[in-house]
Amino acid sequence: MPPVELWPAWRLAAPPGRAQLEPERGRYAYVYAVALHSAGRGGEAVTVPKESLAQHPGDRDTLLALISFNRDAGDFVTALEYAEQLARIPPADPSLGRFA
């Protein structure tokens, strides 16, 4: 059983929760990773979105989490790599294409 501070996210995303039952929905992994990070479990917090990114390579929230978690851990090189990956993703707003 997870610590009390992780219970809300645990119900949503933890094994055998929705992150494993619905891997096509990267949001569950993101929520669980944020809960882990908030609970001071940085190592685990980085692992969850890293694994999710393999299935959801263009997921902005996952990349933002990886940037933030790696930056907080002092791994600026990795944070920058994820930031560069995020910068290569076109904006989701189709109306922005008219400015190109």
C-alpha atoms as a PDB file:
ATOM      1  CA  MET A   1       0.000   0.000   0.000  1.00  0.00           C
ATOM      2  CA  PRO A   2       1.366   3.443  -0.898  1.00  0.00           C
ATOM      3  CA  PRO A   3       1.870   6.233   1.624  1.00  0.00           C
ATOM      4  CA  VAL A   4      -1.266   8.196   2.488  1.00  0.00           C
ATOM      5  CA  GLU A   5      -0.172  11.222   0.428  1.00  0.00           C
ATOM      6  CA  LEU A   6      -0.260   9.075  -2.735  1.00  0.00           C
ATOM      7  CA  TRP A   7      -3.707   7.519  -2.256  1.00  0.00           C
ATOM      8  CA  PRO A   8      -5.651   9.772  -4.668  1.00  0.00           C
ATOM      9  CA  ALA A   9      -3.215   9.209  -7.530  1.00  0.00           C
ATOM     10  CA  TRP A  10      -2.709   5.582  -6.546  1.00  0.00           C
ATOM     11  CA  ARG A  11      -6.398   4.879  -7.075  1.00  0.00           C
ATOM     12  CA  LEU A  12      -6.175   6.432 -10.542  1.00  0.00           C
ATOM     13  CA  ALA A  13      -2.865   5.199 -11.813  1.00  0.00           C
ATOM     14  CA  ALA A  14      -1.002   2.692  -9.699  1.00  0.00           C
ATOM     15  CA  PRO A  15      -0.752  -1.051 -10.297  1.00  0.00           C
ATOM     16  CA  PRO A  16      -3.145  -2.586 -10.990  1.00  0.00           C
ATOM     17  CA  GLY A  17      -4.670   0.787 -11.749  1.00  0.00           C
ATOM     18  CA  ARG A  18      -5.545   2.581 -14.888  1.00  0.00           C
ATOM     19  CA  ALA A  19      -2.007   3.383 -16.015  1.00  0.00           C
ATOM     20  CA  GLN A  20      -1.502  -0.347 -16.529  1.00  0.00           C
ATOM     21  CA  LEU A  21      -5.046  -1.171 -17.634  1.00  0.00           C
ATOM     22  CA  GLU A  22      -5.233   1.711 -20.110  1.00  0.00           C
ATOM     23  CA  PRO A  23      -1.673   2.342 -21.301  1.00  0.00           C
ATOM     24  CA  GLU A  24      -3.024   4.256 -24.303  1.00  0.00           C
ATOM     25  CA  ARG A  25      -3.989   7.049 -21.902  1.00  0.00           C
ATOM     26  CA  GLY A  26      -0.732   8.702 -20.924  1.00  0.00           C
ATOM     27  CA  ARG A  27      -2.515  11.097 -18.584  1.00  0.00           C
ATOM     28  CA  TYR A  28      -2.796   8.413 -15.884  1.00  0.00           C
ATOM     29  CA  ALA A  29       0.959   7.877 -15.862  1.00  0.00           C
ATOM     30  CA  TYR A  30       1.494  11.645 -15.742  1.00  0.00           C
ATOM     31  CA  VAL A  31      -0.812  12.051 -12.718  1.00  0.00           C
ATOM     32  CA  TYR A  32       0.889   9.185 -10.898  1.00  0.00           C
ATOM     33  CA  ALA A  33       4.340  10.611 -11.655  1.00  0.00           C
ATOM     34  CA  VAL A  34       3.340  14.027 -10.306  1.00  0.00           C
ATOM     35  CA  ALA A  35       2.049  12.372  -7.131  1.00  0.00           C
ATOM     36  CA  LEU A  36       5.329  10.497  -6.721  1.00  0.00           C
ATOM     37  CA  HIS A  37       7.327  13.684  -7.271  1.00  0.00           C
ATOM     38  CA  SER A  38       5.171  15.590  -4.772  1.00  0.00           C
ATOM     39  CA  ALA A  39       5.784  12.852  -2.230  1.00  0.00           C
ATOM     40  CA  GLY A  40       9.548  13.240  -2.603  1.00  0.00           C
ATOM     41  CA  ARG A  41      10.004  10.055  -4.610  1.00  0.00           C
ATOM     42  CA  GLY A  42      11.904  11.699  -7.457  1.00  0.00           C
ATOM     43  CA  GLY A  43      13.607   8.590  -8.804  1.00  0.00           C
ATOM     44  CA  GLU A  44      10.319   6.800  -9.275  1.00  0.00           C
ATOM     45  CA  ALA A  45       8.708   9.999 -10.567  1.00  0.00           C
ATOM     46  CA  VAL A  46      11.199  10.122 -13.460  1.00  0.00           C
ATOM     47  CA  THR A  47      10.799   6.448 -14.341  1.00  0.00           C
ATOM     48  CA  VAL A  48       7.009   6.542 -14.804  1.00  0.00           C
ATOM     49  CA  PRO A  49       6.829   9.285 -17.475  1.00  0.00           C
ATOM     50  CA  LYS A  50       9.982   7.986 -19.131  1.00  0.00           C
ATOM     51  CA  GLU A  51       8.259   4.643 -19.701  1.00  0.00           C
ATOM     52  CA  SER A  52       5.050   6.395 -20.777  1.00  0.00           C
ATOM     53  CA  LEU A  53       6.966   8.525 -23.282  1.00  0.00           C
ATOM     54  CA  ALA A  54       7.888   5.373 -25.206  1.00  0.00           C
ATOM     55  CA  GLN A  55       4.169   4.851 -25.912  1.00  0.00           C
ATOM     56  CA  HIS A  56       3.275   8.547 -26.180  1.00  0.00           C
ATOM     57  CA  PRO A  57       6.281  10.294 -27.761  1.00  0.00           C
ATOM     58  CA  GLY A  58       4.422  13.515 -28.473  1.00  0.00           C
ATOM     59  CA  ASP A  59       2.696  13.907 -25.118  1.00  0.00           C
ATOM     60  CA  ARG A  60       3.400  17.455 -23.969  1.00  0.00           C
ATOM     61  CA  ASP A  61       2.507  16.886 -20.299  1.00  0.00           C
ATOM     62  CA  THR A  62       4.812  13.889 -20.105  1.00  0.00           C
ATOM     63  CA  LEU A  63       7.676  15.876 -21.628  1.00  0.00           C
ATOM     64  CA  LEU A  64       7.008  18.829 -19.322  1.00  0.00           C
ATOM     65  CA  ALA A  65       7.078  16.502 -16.326  1.00  0.00           C
ATOM     66  CA  LEU A  66      10.375  14.984 -17.464  1.00  0.00           C
ATOM     67  CA  ILE A  67      11.861  18.439 -17.976  1.00  0.00           C
ATOM     68  CA  SER A  68      10.764  19.550 -14.527  1.00  0.00           C
ATOM     69  CA  PHE A  69      11.709  16.374 -12.652  1.00  0.00           C
ATOM     70  CA  ASN A  70      15.148  16.166 -14.241  1.00  0.00           C
ATOM     71  CA  ARG A  71      15.771  19.861 -13.623  1.00  0.00           C
ATOM     72  CA  ASP A  72      14.757  19.440  -9.974  1.00  0.00           C
ATOM     73  CA  ALA A  73      17.148  16.489  -9.691  1.00  0.00           C
ATOM     74  CA  GLY A  74      19.962  18.643 -11.057  1.00  0.00           C
ATOM     75  CA  ASP A  75      20.201  16.728 -14.331  1.00  0.00           C
ATOM     76  CA  PHE A  76      20.163  19.782 -16.580  1.00  0.00           C
ATOM     77  CA  VAL A  77      21.546  17.952 -19.613  1.00  0.00           C
ATOM     78  CA  THR A  78      18.656  15.482 -19.643  1.00  0.00           C
ATOM     79  CA  ALA A  79      16.137  18.245 -18.899  1.00  0.00           C
ATOM     80  CA  LEU A  80      17.446  20.167 -21.906  1.00  0.00           C
ATOM     81  CA  GLU A  81      17.189  17.072 -24.127  1.00  0.00           C
ATOM     82  CA  TYR A  82      13.511  16.705 -23.201  1.00  0.00           C
ATOM     83  CA  ALA A  83      12.968  20.463 -23.728  1.00  0.00           C
ATOM     84  CA  GLU A  84      14.458  20.187 -27.211  1.00  0.00           C
ATOM     85  CA  GLN A  85      12.207  17.213 -27.939  1.00  0.00           C
ATOM     86  CA  LEU A  86       9.201  19.242 -26.777  1.00  0.00           C
ATOM     87  CA  ALA A  87      10.235  22.194 -28.954  1.00  0.00           C
ATOM     88  CA  ARG A  88      10.155  19.960 -32.057  1.00  0.00           C
ATOM     89  CA  ILE A  89       6.479  19.098 -31.546  1.00  0.00           C
ATOM     90  CA  PRO A  90       4.182  21.312 -33.602  1.00  0.00           C
ATOM     91  CA  PRO A  91       1.555  23.226 -31.606  1.00  0.00           C
ATOM     92  CA  ALA A  92      -1.783  21.466 -31.259  1.00  0.00           C
ATOM     93  CA  ASP A  93      -3.678  24.589 -32.293  1.00  0.00           C
ATOM     94  CA  PRO A  94      -4.368  24.288 -36.053  1.00  0.00           C
ATOM     95  CA  SER A  95      -4.988  28.024 -36.341  1.00  0.00           C
ATOM     96  CA  LEU A  96      -1.299  28.659 -35.621  1.00  0.00           C
ATOM     97  CA  GLY A  97      -0.454  27.152 -39.011  1.00  0.00           C
ATOM     98  CA  ARG A  98      -1.702  30.246 -40.775  1.00  0.00           C
ATOM     99  CA  PHE A  99       1.216  32.227 -39.295  1.00  0.00           C
ATOM    100  CA  ALA A 100       3.859  29.923 -40.737  1.00  0.00           C
END
